[in-house]
Amino acid sequence: MSDKPSYLGAFLRHPANRTALLAAGVVAIFASIPMGLAGLALVGTLAAGTEILAALMVPSLPSFKAWVDREAHHQSLSQRRQLLIAELRDRGETDALSTYQHMWERVQALYQTAGDRQTTLTRQDVEKLDTLTVDYLGLCAVNASLRRRKDHTSEDQVNRRIANVEAQLRNPALGDEEARQLRATLAEYTEVLNRSRRLAVRRSALEATLVAMPDKMEEVYQLVITSPYATDMGSKLEDSLSRLRIAEEVAAEFDDADLATFGHKAPRASASGSMPSAAVRQAAQRQKN
């Protein structure tokens, strides 16, 4: 599926365009009463010409492209939101859904505040927070997958299997082909163990983020509600958002190879890419403070 929406298709499906075509049809019908087919053809020709010119010009307008991009983003975000809510509901993650519901209600209140012309808070600012609530759902889904995997695996069990393979490799009567297969098995077990340890560290950062995000969101809400008409609202909100964006950076740490083990797709990563594990842990620790 293409990331870029069809601007021409969006123009053709736009309510204003459909209304204009409907109005042209009505005018054509009325014109046909006194003029017959000539009036119908005249109005039809004018309407078709206008439609072609508009189709050539409107989709290339920057303002129209921006509107289409926003609508496509909102639709994608809504679909992702519904899928994640359904997944968490199926997993029985009632606490996560309850926390999300509270965050969502705060965002809706901020949308109402942004509608006040006297405030410097913009709808685009609130949309960033709305996106972060969906990121929160994605991180909760990843955490649920990690928790389920942790409940079904044992590091001690893997260590015992590694010790068993190593003992077989020490057998002097072992053939070359058997030794090759055992070394390959040992490498796989070692990789499983190393990945499990890496995920344990990353999961700690993830859990810290999930604890901190609702509190940080509440801070943003209180900031806006207590001073909705502050002239530096944009800079204050951006500072708060920079601290909340650690969610995307933590999510980027869980690459596809790691999450494939748990049967889960990685959530959307930040545009800046992933951070080293140590940096993520430090950033998550800053959110705790």
C-alpha atoms as a PDB file:
ATOM      1  CA  MET A   1       0.000   0.000   0.000  1.00  0.00           C
ATOM      2  CA  SER A   2       1.385   3.416  -0.967  1.00  0.00           C
ATOM      3  CA  ASP A   3       2.196   5.849   1.803  1.00  0.00           C
ATOM      4  CA  LYS A   4       1.170   8.809  -0.358  1.00  0.00           C
ATOM      5  CA  PRO A   5      -2.565   9.297  -0.918  1.00  0.00           C
ATOM      6  CA  SER A   6      -3.985   9.984  -4.382  1.00  0.00           C
ATOM      7  CA  TYR A   7      -4.607  13.724  -4.558  1.00  0.00           C
ATOM      8  CA  LEU A   8      -6.638  13.386  -7.751  1.00  0.00           C
ATOM      9  CA  GLY A   9      -8.790  10.683  -6.188  1.00  0.00           C
ATOM     10  CA  ALA A  10      -9.265  12.830  -3.102  1.00  0.00           C
ATOM     11  CA  PHE A  11     -10.415  15.725  -5.307  1.00  0.00           C
ATOM     12  CA  LEU A  12     -12.901  13.551  -7.174  1.00  0.00           C
ATOM     13  CA  ARG A  13     -14.280  12.174  -3.883  1.00  0.00           C
ATOM     14  CA  HIS A  14     -14.356  15.544  -2.126  1.00  0.00           C
ATOM     15  CA  PRO A  15     -17.871  16.543  -0.948  1.00  0.00           C
ATOM     16  CA  ALA A  16     -17.543  19.963  -2.566  1.00  0.00           C
ATOM     17  CA  ASN A  17     -16.783  18.399  -5.943  1.00  0.00           C
ATOM     18  CA  ARG A  18     -19.679  15.987  -5.636  1.00  0.00           C
ATOM     19  CA  THR A  19     -21.989  18.845  -4.703  1.00  0.00           C
ATOM     20  CA  ALA A  20     -20.807  20.847  -7.729  1.00  0.00           C
ATOM     21  CA  LEU A  21     -21.450  17.895 -10.062  1.00  0.00           C
ATOM     22  CA  LEU A  22     -24.887  17.385  -8.541  1.00  0.00           C
ATOM     23  CA  ALA A  23     -25.682  21.079  -8.967  1.00  0.00           C
ATOM     24  CA  ALA A  24     -24.522  20.915 -12.598  1.00  0.00           C
ATOM     25  CA  GLY A  25     -26.852  17.974 -13.166  1.00  0.00           C
ATOM     26  CA  VAL A  26     -29.781  19.893 -11.721  1.00  0.00           C
ATOM     27  CA  VAL A  27     -28.996  22.958 -13.858  1.00  0.00           C
ATOM     28  CA  ALA A  28     -28.728  20.719 -16.924  1.00  0.00           C
ATOM     29  CA  ILE A  29     -32.184  19.290 -16.258  1.00  0.00           C
ATOM     30  CA  PHE A  30     -33.733  22.745 -15.902  1.00  0.00           C
ATOM     31  CA  ALA A  31     -31.872  23.990 -18.995  1.00  0.00           C
ATOM     32  CA  SER A  32     -33.243  21.114 -21.018  1.00  0.00           C
ATOM     33  CA  ILE A  33     -36.826  22.249 -20.379  1.00  0.00           C
ATOM     34  CA  PRO A  34     -36.758  25.382 -22.560  1.00  0.00           C
ATOM     35  CA  MET A  35     -33.793  24.431 -24.785  1.00  0.00           C
ATOM     36  CA  GLY A  36     -34.147  20.672 -25.078  1.00  0.00           C
ATOM     37  CA  LEU A  37     -31.075  18.536 -25.732  1.00  0.00           C
ATOM     38  CA  ALA A  38     -29.101  21.643 -26.721  1.00  0.00           C
ATOM     39  CA  GLY A  39     -29.408  23.053 -23.205  1.00  0.00           C
ATOM     40  CA  LEU A  40     -28.487  19.706 -21.674  1.00  0.00           C
ATOM     41  CA  ALA A  41     -25.427  19.429 -23.911  1.00  0.00           C
ATOM     42  CA  LEU A  42     -24.383  23.022 -23.225  1.00  0.00           C
ATOM     43  CA  VAL A  43     -24.494  22.686 -19.452  1.00  0.00           C
ATOM     44  CA  GLY A  44     -22.866  19.240 -19.662  1.00  0.00           C
ATOM     45  CA  THR A  45     -20.000  20.599 -21.765  1.00  0.00           C
ATOM     46  CA  LEU A  46     -19.417  23.524 -19.412  1.00  0.00           C
ATOM     47  CA  ALA A  47     -19.542  21.247 -16.371  1.00  0.00           C
ATOM     48  CA  ALA A  48     -17.140  18.718 -17.932  1.00  0.00           C
ATOM     49  CA  GLY A  49     -14.704  21.460 -18.943  1.00  0.00           C
ATOM     50  CA  THR A  50     -14.797  22.999 -15.483  1.00  0.00           C
ATOM     51  CA  GLU A  51     -14.290  19.568 -13.890  1.00  0.00           C
ATOM     52  CA  ILE A  52     -11.257  18.843 -16.078  1.00  0.00           C
ATOM     53  CA  LEU A  53      -9.647  22.214 -15.330  1.00  0.00           C
ATOM     54  CA  ALA A  54     -10.282  21.788 -11.628  1.00  0.00           C
ATOM     55  CA  ALA A  55      -8.859  18.245 -11.729  1.00  0.00           C
ATOM     56  CA  LEU A  56      -5.697  19.605 -13.329  1.00  0.00           C
ATOM     57  CA  MET A  57      -5.240  22.488 -10.897  1.00  0.00           C
ATOM     58  CA  VAL A  58      -6.726  21.687  -7.473  1.00  0.00           C
ATOM     59  CA  PRO A  59      -4.805  18.451  -6.675  1.00  0.00           C
ATOM     60  CA  SER A  60      -1.495  20.291  -7.129  1.00  0.00           C
ATOM     61  CA  LEU A  61      -2.363  23.111  -4.718  1.00  0.00           C
ATOM     62  CA  PRO A  62      -0.195  22.970  -1.543  1.00  0.00           C
ATOM     63  CA  SER A  63      -3.165  23.733   0.682  1.00  0.00           C
ATOM     64  CA  PHE A  64      -5.217  20.916  -0.860  1.00  0.00           C
ATOM     65  CA  LYS A  65      -2.294  18.480  -0.568  1.00  0.00           C
ATOM     66  CA  ALA A  66      -1.879  19.408   3.098  1.00  0.00           C
ATOM     67  CA  TRP A  67      -5.581  18.788   3.706  1.00  0.00           C
ATOM     68  CA  VAL A  68      -5.440  15.386   1.985  1.00  0.00           C
ATOM     69  CA  ASP A  69      -2.335  14.406   3.948  1.00  0.00           C
ATOM     70  CA  ARG A  70      -4.011  15.346   7.234  1.00  0.00           C
ATOM     71  CA  GLU A  71      -7.133  13.371   6.354  1.00  0.00           C
ATOM     72  CA  ALA A  72      -5.059  10.339   5.374  1.00  0.00           C
ATOM     73  CA  HIS A  73      -3.087  10.586   8.619  1.00  0.00           C
ATOM     74  CA  HIS A  74      -6.276  10.842  10.673  1.00  0.00           C
ATOM     75  CA  GLN A  75      -7.771   7.822   8.913  1.00  0.00           C
ATOM     76  CA  SER A  76      -4.618   5.758   9.389  1.00  0.00           C
ATOM     77  CA  LEU A  77      -4.413   6.793  13.037  1.00  0.00           C
ATOM     78  CA  SER A  78      -8.053   5.890  13.626  1.00  0.00           C
ATOM     79  CA  GLN A  79      -7.630   2.454  12.057  1.00  0.00           C
ATOM     80  CA  ARG A  80      -4.501   1.775  14.104  1.00  0.00           C
ATOM     81  CA  ARG A  81      -6.271   2.957  17.254  1.00  0.00           C
ATOM     82  CA  GLN A  82      -9.205   0.597  16.724  1.00  0.00           C
ATOM     83  CA  LEU A  83      -6.951  -2.376  15.976  1.00  0.00           C
ATOM     84  CA  LEU A  84      -4.841  -1.800  19.085  1.00  0.00           C
ATOM     85  CA  ILE A  85      -7.879  -1.310  21.323  1.00  0.00           C
ATOM     86  CA  ALA A  86      -9.362  -4.568  20.013  1.00  0.00           C
ATOM     87  CA  GLU A  87      -6.063  -6.379  20.566  1.00  0.00           C
ATOM     88  CA  LEU A  88      -5.681  -5.115  24.127  1.00  0.00           C
ATOM     89  CA  ARG A  89      -9.320  -5.928  24.870  1.00  0.00           C
ATOM     90  CA  ASP A  90      -8.787  -9.483  23.609  1.00  0.00           C
ATOM     91  CA  ARG A  91      -5.723  -9.807  25.838  1.00  0.00           C
ATOM     92  CA  GLY A  92      -7.676  -8.589  28.853  1.00  0.00           C
ATOM     93  CA  GLU A  93      -5.493  -5.494  29.352  1.00  0.00           C
ATOM     94  CA  THR A  94      -8.199  -3.557  31.207  1.00  0.00           C
ATOM     95  CA  ASP A  95      -5.751  -1.399  33.184  1.00  0.00           C
ATOM     96  CA  ALA A  96      -3.995  -0.222  30.032  1.00  0.00           C
ATOM     97  CA  LEU A  97      -7.314   0.554  28.349  1.00  0.00           C
ATOM     98  CA  SER A  98      -8.521   2.449  31.391  1.00  0.00           C
ATOM     99  CA  THR A  99      -5.358   4.566  31.420  1.00  0.00           C
ATOM    100  CA  TYR A 100      -5.684   5.179  27.695  1.00  0.00           C
ATOM    101  CA  GLN A 101      -9.314   6.250  28.122  1.00  0.00           C
ATOM    102  CA  HIS A 102      -8.261   8.875  30.662  1.00  0.00           C
ATOM    103  CA  MET A 103      -5.529  10.158  28.335  1.00  0.00           C
ATOM    104  CA  TRP A 104      -7.991  10.232  25.421  1.00  0.00           C
ATOM    105  CA  GLU A 105     -10.481  12.281  27.449  1.00  0.00           C
ATOM    106  CA  ARG A 106      -7.739  14.784  28.267  1.00  0.00           C
ATOM    107  CA  VAL A 107      -6.913  15.116  24.572  1.00  0.00           C
ATOM    108  CA  GLN A 108     -10.588  15.715  23.704  1.00  0.00           C
ATOM    109  CA  ALA A 109     -10.720  18.480  26.320  1.00  0.00           C
ATOM    110  CA  LEU A 110      -7.614  20.036  24.757  1.00  0.00           C
ATOM    111  CA  TYR A 111      -9.267  19.923  21.324  1.00  0.00           C
ATOM    112  CA  GLN A 112     -12.082  22.026  22.774  1.00  0.00           C
ATOM    113  CA  THR A 113      -9.570  24.448  24.249  1.00  0.00           C
ATOM    114  CA  ALA A 114      -7.790  24.737  20.897  1.00  0.00           C
ATOM    115  CA  GLY A 115     -11.129  25.809  19.382  1.00  0.00           C
ATOM    116  CA  ASP A 116     -11.014  28.999  21.446  1.00  0.00           C
ATOM    117  CA  ARG A 117      -9.657  31.739  19.202  1.00  0.00           C
ATOM    118  CA  GLN A 118      -8.059  33.553  22.130  1.00  0.00           C
ATOM    119  CA  THR A 119      -5.676  30.694  23.003  1.00  0.00           C
ATOM    120  CA  THR A 120      -2.349  30.152  21.241  1.00  0.00           C
ATOM    121  CA  LEU A 121      -2.849  26.392  21.452  1.00  0.00           C
ATOM    122  CA  THR A 122      -3.394  25.035  17.940  1.00  0.00           C
ATOM    123  CA  ARG A 123      -5.205  21.955  16.738  1.00  0.00           C
ATOM    124  CA  GLN A 124      -1.914  20.695  15.299  1.00  0.00           C
ATOM    125  CA  ASP A 125      -0.418  20.790  18.809  1.00  0.00           C
ATOM    126  CA  VAL A 126      -3.237  18.646  20.160  1.00  0.00           C
ATOM    127  CA  GLU A 127      -2.994  16.240  17.226  1.00  0.00           C
ATOM    128  CA  LYS A 128       0.569  15.452  18.334  1.00  0.00           C
ATOM    129  CA  LEU A 129      -0.759  14.453  21.735  1.00  0.00           C
ATOM    130  CA  ASP A 130      -3.515  12.425  20.094  1.00  0.00           C
ATOM    131  CA  THR A 131      -0.889  10.502  18.129  1.00  0.00           C
ATOM    132  CA  LEU A 132       1.006   9.812  21.343  1.00  0.00           C
ATOM    133  CA  THR A 133      -2.076   8.213  22.906  1.00  0.00           C
ATOM    134  CA  VAL A 134      -2.099   5.736  20.015  1.00  0.00           C
ATOM    135  CA  ASP A 135       1.630   5.188  20.525  1.00  0.00           C
ATOM    136  CA  TYR A 136       0.791   4.386  24.146  1.00  0.00           C
ATOM    137  CA  LEU A 137      -1.640   1.695  22.988  1.00  0.00           C
ATOM    138  CA  GLY A 138       1.042   0.239  20.712  1.00  0.00           C
ATOM    139  CA  LEU A 139       3.590   0.102  23.531  1.00  0.00           C
ATOM    140  CA  CYS A 140       1.027  -1.557  25.808  1.00  0.00           C
ATOM    141  CA  ALA A 141       0.443  -4.213  23.158  1.00  0.00           C
ATOM    142  CA  VAL A 142       4.184  -4.831  22.843  1.00  0.00           C
ATOM    143  CA  ASN A 143       4.538  -5.023  26.610  1.00  0.00           C
ATOM    144  CA  ALA A 144       1.683  -7.540  26.815  1.00  0.00           C
ATOM    145  CA  SER A 145       3.433  -9.712  24.221  1.00  0.00           C
ATOM    146  CA  LEU A 146       6.723  -9.516  26.085  1.00  0.00           C
ATOM    147  CA  ARG A 147       5.052 -10.373  29.372  1.00  0.00           C
ATOM    148  CA  ARG A 148       3.326 -13.394  27.868  1.00  0.00           C
ATOM    149  CA  ARG A 149       6.600 -14.604  26.333  1.00  0.00           C
ATOM    150  CA  LYS A 150       8.411 -14.153  29.631  1.00  0.00           C
ATOM    151  CA  ASP A 151       5.811 -16.293  31.398  1.00  0.00           C
ATOM    152  CA  HIS A 152       6.425 -19.165  28.965  1.00  0.00           C
ATOM    153  CA  THR A 153      10.220 -19.169  28.796  1.00  0.00           C
ATOM    154  CA  SER A 154      12.928 -19.902  31.330  1.00  0.00           C
ATOM    155  CA  GLU A 155      16.506 -18.720  31.130  1.00  0.00           C
ATOM    156  CA  ASP A 156      17.514 -21.620  33.390  1.00  0.00           C
ATOM    157  CA  GLN A 157      15.989 -24.061  30.915  1.00  0.00           C
ATOM    158  CA  VAL A 158      17.994 -22.558  28.041  1.00  0.00           C
ATOM    159  CA  ASN A 159      21.168 -22.686  30.139  1.00  0.00           C
ATOM    160  CA  ARG A 160      20.563 -26.370  30.865  1.00  0.00           C
ATOM    161  CA  ARG A 161      20.160 -27.083  27.168  1.00  0.00           C
ATOM    162  CA  ILE A 162      23.366 -25.173  26.406  1.00  0.00           C
ATOM    163  CA  ALA A 163      25.222 -27.193  29.039  1.00  0.00           C
ATOM    164  CA  ASN A 164      23.833 -30.420  27.559  1.00  0.00           C
ATOM    165  CA  VAL A 165      25.006 -29.505  24.040  1.00  0.00           C
ATOM    166  CA  GLU A 166      28.437 -28.500  25.334  1.00  0.00           C
ATOM    167  CA  ALA A 167      28.737 -31.838  27.124  1.00  0.00           C
ATOM    168  CA  GLN A 168      27.927 -33.673  23.890  1.00  0.00           C
ATOM    169  CA  LEU A 169      30.557 -31.656  22.031  1.00  0.00           C
ATOM    170  CA  ARG A 170      33.198 -32.838  24.503  1.00  0.00           C
ATOM    171  CA  ASN A 171      32.573 -36.446  23.466  1.00  0.00           C
ATOM    172  CA  PRO A 172      35.789 -37.591  21.677  1.00  0.00           C
ATOM    173  CA  ALA A 173      33.865 -40.147  19.601  1.00  0.00           C
ATOM    174  CA  LEU A 174      31.681 -37.466  18.063  1.00  0.00           C
ATOM    175  CA  GLY A 175      31.635 -37.408  14.245  1.00  0.00           C
ATOM    176  CA  ASP A 176      32.350 -34.285  12.203  1.00  0.00           C
ATOM    177  CA  GLU A 177      28.789 -33.958  10.895  1.00  0.00           C
ATOM    178  CA  GLU A 178      27.276 -34.415  14.364  1.00  0.00           C
ATOM    179  CA  ALA A 179      29.730 -31.895  15.797  1.00  0.00           C
ATOM    180  CA  ARG A 180      28.746 -29.378  13.099  1.00  0.00           C
ATOM    181  CA  GLN A 181      25.065 -29.775  13.874  1.00  0.00           C
ATOM    182  CA  LEU A 182      25.657 -29.487  17.621  1.00  0.00           C
ATOM    183  CA  ARG A 183      27.728 -26.314  17.156  1.00  0.00           C
ATOM    184  CA  ALA A 184      24.917 -24.819  15.068  1.00  0.00           C
ATOM    185  CA  THR A 185      22.416 -25.767  17.777  1.00  0.00           C
ATOM    186  CA  LEU A 186      24.670 -24.238  20.435  1.00  0.00           C
ATOM    187  CA  ALA A 187      24.886 -20.988  18.440  1.00  0.00           C
ATOM    188  CA  GLU A 188      21.087 -20.844  18.203  1.00  0.00           C
ATOM    189  CA  TYR A 189      20.639 -21.425  21.941  1.00  0.00           C
ATOM    190  CA  THR A 190      23.264 -18.783  22.702  1.00  0.00           C
ATOM    191  CA  GLU A 191      21.508 -16.273  20.446  1.00  0.00           C
ATOM    192  CA  VAL A 192      18.179 -17.040  22.152  1.00  0.00           C
ATOM    193  CA  LEU A 193      19.775 -16.414  25.533  1.00  0.00           C
ATOM    194  CA  ASN A 194      21.457 -13.179  24.434  1.00  0.00           C
ATOM    195  CA  ARG A 195      18.255 -11.894  22.836  1.00  0.00           C
ATOM    196  CA  SER A 196      16.299 -12.724  25.965  1.00  0.00           C
ATOM    197  CA  ARG A 197      18.739 -10.680  28.057  1.00  0.00           C
ATOM    198  CA  ARG A 198      18.618  -7.752  25.620  1.00  0.00           C
ATOM    199  CA  LEU A 199      14.836  -7.775  25.669  1.00  0.00           C
ATOM    200  CA  ALA A 200      14.829  -7.862  29.461  1.00  0.00           C
ATOM    201  CA  VAL A 201      16.812  -4.602  29.518  1.00  0.00           C
ATOM    202  CA  ARG A 202      14.626  -3.013  26.846  1.00  0.00           C
ATOM    203  CA  ARG A 203      11.481  -4.152  28.577  1.00  0.00           C
ATOM    204  CA  SER A 204      12.595  -2.301  31.713  1.00  0.00           C
ATOM    205  CA  ALA A 205      12.836   0.902  29.665  1.00  0.00           C
ATOM    206  CA  LEU A 206       9.462   0.149  28.089  1.00  0.00           C
ATOM    207  CA  GLU A 207       7.756  -0.388  31.453  1.00  0.00           C
ATOM    208  CA  ALA A 208       9.258   2.853  32.775  1.00  0.00           C
ATOM    209  CA  THR A 209       7.870   4.689  29.751  1.00  0.00           C
ATOM    210  CA  LEU A 210       4.402   3.192  30.197  1.00  0.00           C
ATOM    211  CA  VAL A 211       4.376   4.378  33.812  1.00  0.00           C
ATOM    212  CA  ALA A 212       5.646   7.854  32.943  1.00  0.00           C
ATOM    213  CA  MET A 213       3.565   8.642  29.830  1.00  0.00           C
ATOM    214  CA  PRO A 214       0.168   9.139  31.557  1.00  0.00           C
ATOM    215  CA  ASP A 215       1.769  11.408  34.171  1.00  0.00           C
ATOM    216  CA  LYS A 216       3.529  13.471  31.523  1.00  0.00           C
ATOM    217  CA  MET A 217       0.297  13.733  29.559  1.00  0.00           C
ATOM    218  CA  GLU A 218      -1.472  14.971  32.683  1.00  0.00           C
ATOM    219  CA  GLU A 219       1.266  17.590  33.125  1.00  0.00           C
ATOM    220  CA  VAL A 220       0.614  18.860  29.603  1.00  0.00           C
ATOM    221  CA  TYR A 221      -3.120  18.966  30.245  1.00  0.00           C
ATOM    222  CA  GLN A 222      -2.702  20.918  33.486  1.00  0.00           C
ATOM    223  CA  LEU A 223      -0.271  23.289  31.779  1.00  0.00           C
ATOM    224  CA  VAL A 224      -2.797  24.157  29.087  1.00  0.00           C
ATOM    225  CA  ILE A 225      -5.856  24.316  31.319  1.00  0.00           C
ATOM    226  CA  THR A 226      -4.236  26.558  33.939  1.00  0.00           C
ATOM    227  CA  SER A 227      -2.854  29.036  31.373  1.00  0.00           C
ATOM    228  CA  PRO A 228      -4.742  28.603  28.072  1.00  0.00           C
ATOM    229  CA  TYR A 229      -3.998  32.137  26.887  1.00  0.00           C
ATOM    230  CA  ALA A 230      -0.252  32.144  27.542  1.00  0.00           C
ATOM    231  CA  THR A 231       1.660  33.654  24.640  1.00  0.00           C
ATOM    232  CA  ASP A 232       4.471  31.066  24.905  1.00  0.00           C
ATOM    233  CA  MET A 233       2.105  28.088  24.887  1.00  0.00           C
ATOM    234  CA  GLY A 234       3.725  26.608  21.780  1.00  0.00           C
ATOM    235  CA  SER A 235       7.221  26.489  23.282  1.00  0.00           C
ATOM    236  CA  LYS A 236       5.954  25.101  26.589  1.00  0.00           C
ATOM    237  CA  LEU A 237       3.991  22.393  24.842  1.00  0.00           C
ATOM    238  CA  GLU A 238       6.923  21.498  22.597  1.00  0.00           C
ATOM    239  CA  ASP A 239       9.140  21.075  25.657  1.00  0.00           C
ATOM    240  CA  SER A 240       6.616  18.701  27.200  1.00  0.00           C
ATOM    241  CA  LEU A 241       6.219  16.817  23.931  1.00  0.00           C
ATOM    242  CA  SER A 242       9.978  16.333  23.659  1.00  0.00           C
ATOM    243  CA  ARG A 243       9.854  14.441  26.941  1.00  0.00           C
ATOM    244  CA  LEU A 244       6.880  12.375  25.820  1.00  0.00           C
ATOM    245  CA  ARG A 245       8.531  11.373  22.549  1.00  0.00           C
ATOM    246  CA  ILE A 246      10.720   8.917  24.430  1.00  0.00           C
ATOM    247  CA  ALA A 247       7.831   6.513  23.790  1.00  0.00           C
ATOM    248  CA  GLU A 248       8.636   6.440  20.085  1.00  0.00           C
ATOM    249  CA  GLU A 249      12.352   6.019  20.782  1.00  0.00           C
ATOM    250  CA  VAL A 250      11.742   3.116  23.127  1.00  0.00           C
ATOM    251  CA  ALA A 251       9.455   1.505  20.556  1.00  0.00           C
ATOM    252  CA  ALA A 252      12.202   1.817  17.947  1.00  0.00           C
ATOM    253  CA  GLU A 253      14.473  -0.283  20.171  1.00  0.00           C
ATOM    254  CA  PHE A 254      12.239  -3.294  19.581  1.00  0.00           C
ATOM    255  CA  ASP A 255      13.271  -4.227  16.065  1.00  0.00           C
ATOM    256  CA  ASP A 256      11.403  -6.636  13.819  1.00  0.00           C
ATOM    257  CA  ALA A 257      13.739  -9.531  14.610  1.00  0.00           C
ATOM    258  CA  ASP A 258      13.144  -9.188  18.338  1.00  0.00           C
ATOM    259  CA  LEU A 259       9.374  -8.837  18.107  1.00  0.00           C
ATOM    260  CA  ALA A 260       9.040 -11.658  15.573  1.00  0.00           C
ATOM    261  CA  THR A 261       9.918 -13.978  18.441  1.00  0.00           C
ATOM    262  CA  PHE A 262       6.821 -12.757  20.227  1.00  0.00           C
ATOM    263  CA  GLY A 263       4.498 -12.757  17.226  1.00  0.00           C
ATOM    264  CA  HIS A 264       4.014  -8.990  17.279  1.00  0.00           C
ATOM    265  CA  LYS A 265       4.688  -6.225  14.790  1.00  0.00           C
ATOM    266  CA  ALA A 266       6.798  -3.306  15.837  1.00  0.00           C
ATOM    267  CA  PRO A 267       4.952  -0.050  16.502  1.00  0.00           C
ATOM    268  CA  ARG A 268       5.729   3.071  14.560  1.00  0.00           C
ATOM    269  CA  ALA A 269       9.241   4.266  15.266  1.00  0.00           C
ATOM    270  CA  SER A 270      10.314   7.868  15.487  1.00  0.00           C
ATOM    271  CA  ALA A 271      11.548   9.642  12.382  1.00  0.00           C
ATOM    272  CA  SER A 272      14.981  10.010  13.925  1.00  0.00           C
ATOM    273  CA  GLY A 273      15.420   6.239  14.156  1.00  0.00           C
ATOM    274  CA  SER A 274      16.335   4.081  17.111  1.00  0.00           C
ATOM    275  CA  MET A 275      18.572   4.933  20.024  1.00  0.00           C
ATOM    276  CA  PRO A 276      21.278   2.751  21.576  1.00  0.00           C
ATOM    277  CA  SER A 277      19.976   0.707  24.502  1.00  0.00           C
ATOM    278  CA  ALA A 278      21.951   2.683  27.062  1.00  0.00           C
ATOM    279  CA  ALA A 279      20.542   5.961  25.764  1.00  0.00           C
ATOM    280  CA  VAL A 280      17.005   4.626  25.986  1.00  0.00           C
ATOM    281  CA  ARG A 281      17.536   3.471  29.553  1.00  0.00           C
ATOM    282  CA  GLN A 282      18.933   6.868  30.506  1.00  0.00           C
ATOM    283  CA  ALA A 283      16.033   8.688  28.873  1.00  0.00           C
ATOM    284  CA  ALA A 284      13.502   6.416  30.551  1.00  0.00           C
ATOM    285  CA  GLN A 285      15.237   7.062  33.869  1.00  0.00           C
ATOM    286  CA  ARG A 286      14.889  10.826  33.281  1.00  0.00           C
ATOM    287  CA  GLN A 287      11.142  10.355  32.871  1.00  0.00           C
ATOM    288  CA  LYS A 288      10.968   8.693  36.270  1.00  0.00           C
ATOM    289  CA  ASN A 289      12.506  11.764  37.895  1.00  0.00           C
END
